[in-house]
Amino acid sequence: MKIFAILALVASPIMALAQQRPAYVADFNGYFLTISLSTLDKVADFEPADVKAAEVCETVGKAAELQSREKVSEHRFMLFYVCL
């Protein structure tokens, strides 16, 4: 029984980290960019998505401008950017 308790204590932080994904590009066509962001924080930090959008839009010589933000589930957001 003690082994199960120890495994549960060790596995729970690892499982929490496994569920949290950084911002990643869901769709990009050179003009429009959709980024998916997963977070376990109570207040979401959108800076990683902004940084990723800036990096991606720079590949086509443009700057990213946030157009909309949508909460897909409790811990997941989709952000829509335009590359200008």
N, C-alpha and C. Protein backbone atom coordinates (compact mmCIF):
# COMPACT_ATOMS: atom_id res chain seq x y z
N MET A 1 0.82 -1.20 0.00
CA MET A 1 0.00 0.00 0.00
C MET A 1 0.87 1.26 0.00
N LYS A 2 1.97 1.21 0.74
CA LYS A 2 2.86 2.37 0.78
C LYS A 2 3.47 2.65 -0.59
N ILE A 3 3.72 1.58 -1.33
CA ILE A 3 4.31 1.74 -2.66
C ILE A 3 3.36 2.52 -3.57
N PHE A 4 2.06 2.21 -3.50
CA PHE A 4 1.08 2.92 -4.31
C PHE A 4 1.00 4.39 -3.93
N ALA A 5 1.09 4.68 -2.64
CA ALA A 5 1.05 6.07 -2.19
C ALA A 5 2.27 6.83 -2.69
N ILE A 6 3.42 6.20 -2.63
CA ILE A 6 4.66 6.84 -3.10
C ILE A 6 4.59 7.06 -4.61
N LEU A 7 4.14 6.05 -5.35
CA LEU A 7 4.01 6.20 -6.80
C LEU A 7 3.03 7.31 -7.18
N ALA A 8 1.94 7.41 -6.43
CA ALA A 8 0.96 8.47 -6.70
C ALA A 8 1.57 9.84 -6.47
N LEU A 9 2.36 9.99 -5.41
CA LEU A 9 2.99 11.27 -5.12
C LEU A 9 4.03 11.64 -6.18
N VAL A 10 4.75 10.66 -6.68
CA VAL A 10 5.77 10.91 -7.69
C VAL A 10 5.13 11.15 -9.05
N ALA A 11 4.09 10.41 -9.38
CA ALA A 11 3.49 10.48 -10.72
C ALA A 11 2.62 11.71 -10.93
N SER A 12 2.00 12.24 -9.91
CA SER A 12 1.07 13.36 -10.10
C SER A 12 1.74 14.62 -10.66
N PRO A 13 2.90 15.06 -10.18
CA PRO A 13 3.52 16.23 -10.82
C PRO A 13 3.96 15.95 -12.26
N ILE A 14 4.40 14.73 -12.51
CA ILE A 14 4.82 14.36 -13.86
C ILE A 14 3.62 14.39 -14.80
N MET A 15 2.49 13.89 -14.35
CA MET A 15 1.28 13.90 -15.17
C MET A 15 0.82 15.33 -15.45
N ALA A 16 0.94 16.20 -14.45
CA ALA A 16 0.54 17.60 -14.64
C ALA A 16 1.42 18.28 -15.69
N LEU A 17 2.71 18.00 -15.65
CA LEU A 17 3.62 18.58 -16.65
C LEU A 17 3.36 18.02 -18.03
N ALA A 18 2.99 16.77 -18.10
CA ALA A 18 2.72 16.15 -19.40
C ALA A 18 1.50 16.75 -20.06
N GLN A 19 0.55 17.25 -19.29
CA GLN A 19 -0.67 17.81 -19.85
C GLN A 19 -0.48 19.24 -20.33
N GLN A 20 0.51 19.92 -19.82
CA GLN A 20 0.72 21.31 -20.19
C GLN A 20 1.63 21.38 -21.41
N ARG A 21 1.08 21.82 -22.54
CA ARG A 21 1.83 21.93 -23.78
C ARG A 21 2.12 23.39 -24.08
N PRO A 22 3.28 23.64 -24.62
CA PRO A 22 3.56 25.03 -25.00
C PRO A 22 2.71 25.44 -26.20
N ALA A 23 2.78 26.70 -26.53
CA ALA A 23 2.05 27.20 -27.70
C ALA A 23 2.61 26.54 -28.95
N TYR A 24 1.71 26.07 -29.82
CA TYR A 24 2.16 25.49 -31.07
C TYR A 24 1.27 25.95 -32.21
N VAL A 25 1.82 25.94 -33.40
CA VAL A 25 1.11 26.41 -34.59
C VAL A 25 0.14 25.34 -35.05
N ALA A 26 -1.14 25.68 -35.07
CA ALA A 26 -2.16 24.76 -35.55
C ALA A 26 -2.41 24.94 -37.04
N ASP A 27 -2.25 26.18 -37.54
CA ASP A 27 -2.49 26.45 -38.96
C ASP A 27 -1.77 27.74 -39.34
N PHE A 28 -1.17 27.74 -40.53
CA PHE A 28 -0.48 28.92 -41.03
C PHE A 28 -0.46 28.87 -42.54
N ASN A 29 -0.87 29.96 -43.19
CA ASN A 29 -0.85 30.00 -44.66
C ASN A 29 -0.07 31.18 -45.21
N GLY A 30 0.70 31.86 -44.38
CA GLY A 30 1.46 33.02 -44.83
C GLY A 30 0.78 34.34 -44.52
N TYR A 31 -0.53 34.29 -44.32
CA TYR A 31 -1.30 35.50 -44.01
C TYR A 31 -2.01 35.38 -42.66
N PHE A 32 -2.54 34.20 -42.39
CA PHE A 32 -3.29 33.96 -41.15
C PHE A 32 -2.59 32.87 -40.36
N LEU A 33 -2.70 32.96 -39.05
CA LEU A 33 -2.00 32.05 -38.15
C LEU A 33 -2.91 31.68 -36.99
N THR A 34 -3.06 30.40 -36.73
CA THR A 34 -3.80 29.93 -35.57
C THR A 34 -2.85 29.20 -34.65
N ILE A 35 -2.86 29.59 -33.39
CA ILE A 35 -1.99 28.98 -32.39
C ILE A 35 -2.84 28.35 -31.31
N SER A 36 -2.47 27.14 -30.92
CA SER A 36 -3.14 26.44 -29.83
C SER A 36 -2.26 26.59 -28.59
N LEU A 37 -2.89 26.90 -27.48
CA LEU A 37 -2.18 27.10 -26.22
C LEU A 37 -2.88 26.33 -25.12
N SER A 38 -2.14 25.47 -24.44
CA SER A 38 -2.68 24.74 -23.30
C SER A 38 -2.00 25.23 -22.04
N THR A 39 -2.77 25.40 -20.99
CA THR A 39 -2.22 25.87 -19.73
C THR A 39 -3.00 25.29 -18.57
N LEU A 40 -2.33 25.07 -17.47
CA LEU A 40 -2.99 24.60 -16.25
C LEU A 40 -3.15 25.73 -15.24
N ASP A 41 -2.68 26.92 -15.60
CA ASP A 41 -2.79 28.07 -14.71
C ASP A 41 -4.23 28.57 -14.63
N LYS A 42 -4.59 29.13 -13.48
CA LYS A 42 -5.94 29.69 -13.32
C LYS A 42 -6.12 30.90 -14.24
N VAL A 43 -5.09 31.73 -14.34
CA VAL A 43 -5.11 32.88 -15.24
C VAL A 43 -4.11 32.58 -16.36
N ALA A 44 -4.63 32.45 -17.55
CA ALA A 44 -3.78 32.06 -18.69
C ALA A 44 -2.79 33.16 -19.06
N ASP A 45 -1.57 32.75 -19.38
CA ASP A 45 -0.53 33.66 -19.85
C ASP A 45 -0.42 33.46 -21.36
N PHE A 46 -0.76 34.48 -22.12
CA PHE A 46 -0.77 34.37 -23.57
C PHE A 46 0.54 34.81 -24.21
N GLU A 47 1.51 35.19 -23.41
CA GLU A 47 2.79 35.65 -23.96
C GLU A 47 3.49 34.59 -24.81
N PRO A 48 3.50 33.30 -24.41
CA PRO A 48 4.14 32.30 -25.29
C PRO A 48 3.50 32.23 -26.68
N ALA A 49 2.20 32.41 -26.75
CA ALA A 49 1.52 32.40 -28.05
C ALA A 49 1.91 33.64 -28.86
N ASP A 50 2.01 34.79 -28.20
CA ASP A 50 2.42 36.01 -28.89
C ASP A 50 3.83 35.89 -29.44
N VAL A 51 4.72 35.30 -28.65
CA VAL A 51 6.11 35.12 -29.08
C VAL A 51 6.17 34.18 -30.27
N LYS A 52 5.44 33.07 -30.20
CA LYS A 52 5.41 32.09 -31.28
C LYS A 52 4.84 32.72 -32.55
N ALA A 53 3.77 33.51 -32.42
CA ALA A 53 3.17 34.17 -33.57
C ALA A 53 4.16 35.15 -34.21
N ALA A 54 4.88 35.90 -33.39
CA ALA A 54 5.88 36.83 -33.92
C ALA A 54 6.96 36.10 -34.69
N GLU A 55 7.43 34.96 -34.14
CA GLU A 55 8.46 34.17 -34.81
C GLU A 55 7.97 33.64 -36.16
N VAL A 56 6.75 33.13 -36.19
CA VAL A 56 6.21 32.54 -37.42
C VAL A 56 5.98 33.62 -38.48
N CYS A 57 5.40 34.73 -38.10
CA CYS A 57 5.13 35.80 -39.07
C CYS A 57 6.42 36.43 -39.59
N GLU A 58 7.48 36.42 -38.76
CA GLU A 58 8.77 36.93 -39.22
C GLU A 58 9.34 36.10 -40.36
N THR A 59 8.95 34.83 -40.45
CA THR A 59 9.47 33.97 -41.53
C THR A 59 8.99 34.43 -42.90
N VAL A 60 7.91 35.20 -42.94
CA VAL A 60 7.41 35.75 -44.21
C VAL A 60 7.57 37.27 -44.25
N GLY A 61 8.41 37.79 -43.35
CA GLY A 61 8.70 39.22 -43.33
C GLY A 61 7.57 40.10 -42.86
N LYS A 62 6.72 39.58 -42.00
CA LYS A 62 5.57 40.35 -41.50
C LYS A 62 5.54 40.34 -39.99
N ALA A 63 4.65 41.16 -39.42
CA ALA A 63 4.46 41.22 -37.98
C ALA A 63 3.10 40.63 -37.61
N ALA A 64 3.04 39.96 -36.47
CA ALA A 64 1.79 39.31 -36.03
C ALA A 64 0.90 40.30 -35.29
N GLU A 65 -0.38 40.24 -35.58
CA GLU A 65 -1.37 41.05 -34.86
C GLU A 65 -2.51 40.14 -34.41
N LEU A 66 -2.75 40.10 -33.10
CA LEU A 66 -3.80 39.26 -32.54
C LEU A 66 -5.17 39.77 -32.96
N GLN A 67 -6.01 38.87 -33.48
CA GLN A 67 -7.36 39.23 -33.91
C GLN A 67 -8.41 38.70 -32.95
N SER A 68 -8.24 37.46 -32.49
CA SER A 68 -9.23 36.91 -31.55
C SER A 68 -8.61 35.79 -30.72
N ARG A 69 -9.28 35.52 -29.61
CA ARG A 69 -8.87 34.51 -28.66
C ARG A 69 -10.11 33.71 -28.29
N GLU A 70 -10.05 32.40 -28.36
CA GLU A 70 -11.21 31.57 -28.05
C GLU A 70 -10.83 30.49 -27.05
N LYS A 71 -11.64 30.36 -26.01
CA LYS A 71 -11.43 29.31 -25.02
C LYS A 71 -12.11 28.04 -25.53
N VAL A 72 -11.32 27.03 -25.87
CA VAL A 72 -11.84 25.80 -26.45
C VAL A 72 -12.30 24.84 -25.36
N SER A 73 -11.54 24.75 -24.30
CA SER A 73 -11.89 23.92 -23.15
C SER A 73 -11.34 24.61 -21.90
N GLU A 74 -11.46 23.94 -20.78
CA GLU A 74 -11.06 24.57 -19.52
C GLU A 74 -9.60 25.03 -19.52
N HIS A 75 -8.74 24.28 -20.18
CA HIS A 75 -7.30 24.59 -20.15
C HIS A 75 -6.71 24.80 -21.53
N ARG A 76 -7.55 25.02 -22.53
CA ARG A 76 -7.02 25.17 -23.89
C ARG A 76 -7.63 26.37 -24.60
N PHE A 77 -6.78 27.11 -25.29
CA PHE A 77 -7.18 28.31 -26.03
C PHE A 77 -6.70 28.22 -27.46
N MET A 78 -7.45 28.81 -28.37
CA MET A 78 -7.04 28.98 -29.76
C MET A 78 -6.94 30.48 -30.01
N LEU A 79 -5.81 30.92 -30.54
CA LEU A 79 -5.57 32.32 -30.81
C LEU A 79 -5.39 32.51 -32.30
N PHE A 80 -6.06 33.51 -32.86
CA PHE A 80 -6.03 33.77 -34.29
C PHE A 80 -5.27 35.08 -34.53
N TYR A 81 -4.25 35.01 -35.36
CA TYR A 81 -3.42 36.17 -35.68
C TYR A 81 -3.46 36.44 -37.18
N VAL A 82 -3.22 37.69 -37.54
CA VAL A 82 -3.04 38.08 -38.93
C VAL A 82 -1.59 38.56 -39.05
N CYS A 83 -0.93 38.13 -40.10
CA CYS A 83 0.44 38.58 -40.36
C CYS A 83 0.38 39.77 -41.30
N LEU A 84 0.77 40.93 -40.80
CA LEU A 84 0.72 42.17 -41.58
C LEU A 84 2.12 42.67 -41.92
